[in-house]
Amino acid sequence: MNDILPEQTPVWQYLESAVKEVLDAYGYSEIRMPIVEQTGLFKRSIGEVTDIVEKEMYTFDDRNGESLTLRPEGTASCVRAAEEHGLLFNQMQRFWYQGPMFRYERPQKGRYRQFHQIGVETFGMGGSDIDAEIILLSARLWKKLGLLDSVTLQLNSLGSNEARENYKSALVDYLEQRKESLDEDSVRRLDTNPLRILDSKNPEVQALLSDAPVLSDYLDDESKQHFSELTVMLDTAGIAYEINPRLVRGLDYYCKTVFEWVTDQLGAQGTVCAGGRYDGLVKQLGGRPTPAVGFAMGVERLILLLETLDLIPDEVKQPFDLYLAAEHKGIQSDVVALADQLRDQFKDLRVRIHCGGLKNISQKAQQTGAPIVLIVKQADNQQLCGTIWHQNEPAFGLSEVQIKDKISEIWQS
């Protein structure tokens, strides 16, 4: 688990702000769930024989002996909250959330045991149009961040739960006959979660899978129609995609549409956003049958991608726009008042006042790297005047009125 330091938080805020703007444009509402949930919620939703439940969850007993878990993902918590507060039956909902998740796994670059996700969940809509909407929504975010050319959309359909079970049986039969060629991890998954073997990074296992049964051959007619409608909508919207017949999700509750946005800009191909349809989860958790589809994106991975591609605007890296200092003692109260006048006059102008010693103040102020530097002193007539630096070019001897006019000119440009 790691700290996010002051020089890093502006980048986080930039990403979070971009996400919120896009979600607001699509009419999604934010929901905030607790970090701790009853352990049974995740066992019932994710699946007791998944890696997350078996190996990765932070689970403990509270003082009453009740088993609690730090949430490893957000979908189950969102379903629980929506069902608990009567937001699902006979209703259509579009939610989003953000916050920390927790999984005990080997830390690596862009992935920590406390990590952060932004998630989108929709309920009460069973058609392919809502699948298309959340994919278009994510594509709009990539475009806004400058990432669209650096990520690739991969699609697949898992079919109905019955179709998936039929395929799972065929896959297990195929692999059981070749068990001696599987690695240790795949042998374990053969008895617990065989579809995850399709995700194996072992080249020998992938070679073995080349002749394995293909999920698309087992799809039910309704799922085929649903997937066909989705691809038509994406084609119409001009969204490029690849159909990946090996794409599965690591959680038991997915059905029909699954998708991932992947990138090769971080070394090995990495997933920056993933999701799909989970029509059976609400009923599985005790509610009435409710269609649902959503996705989650890893914040750390996205920030790493933005930094790698140098896509973070310069103004984001600079925590203030104007650095204001007094040239000599005795006018600090005037400087404080002037700073607040500037904040009132210029919307969103970020002003930082110099506090402390005034020795070599002009040099120190310019070393902050602020786009605008203002050094104020008191003129012979007791009025404030000063010098402004912008783009390393000083404007000398400005009166207080001229200072505000100059800042206005710079700020508007």
Foldseek 3Di string as FASTA:
>chain_A
DDDQDPLRVLLVVVLVVLLVVLCVVVPAAEDDFDQKDQLVLCCLWQHCLFCQNPPWWDWDADPVRGIMTGAQDDPSRVLVVCVVVVNAPPHKHKYKYKDWHATDDDDDQLDDRIFMKIKIKIWFDDALVVVLVQVVSVCVSCVVLVNNVFKAKEKEFQADPVLVVVLLVQQLVLCVVVVVQDDPVCNSCSVRPNLCLLVDPDVSSVVSCPPGDFSVVSHDPVLVVRVVVNVVVCVVVVHDHHYDRSDDDSGDQAGRMKMFIWGPLVPRIDTFKIWHKRQCNSVSSPHDGMTMIMMMGTSSVVSVSCVSVVSDDPVSSQPAQEEEEEQDPDCVVVRVVLVVVLCVVDPPHGYDYDDDDNVVVVVVQVVSVHQKYWYWYADPVRFIWTWIAHPNDIDPTGGSVRVSVVVVVVVVD
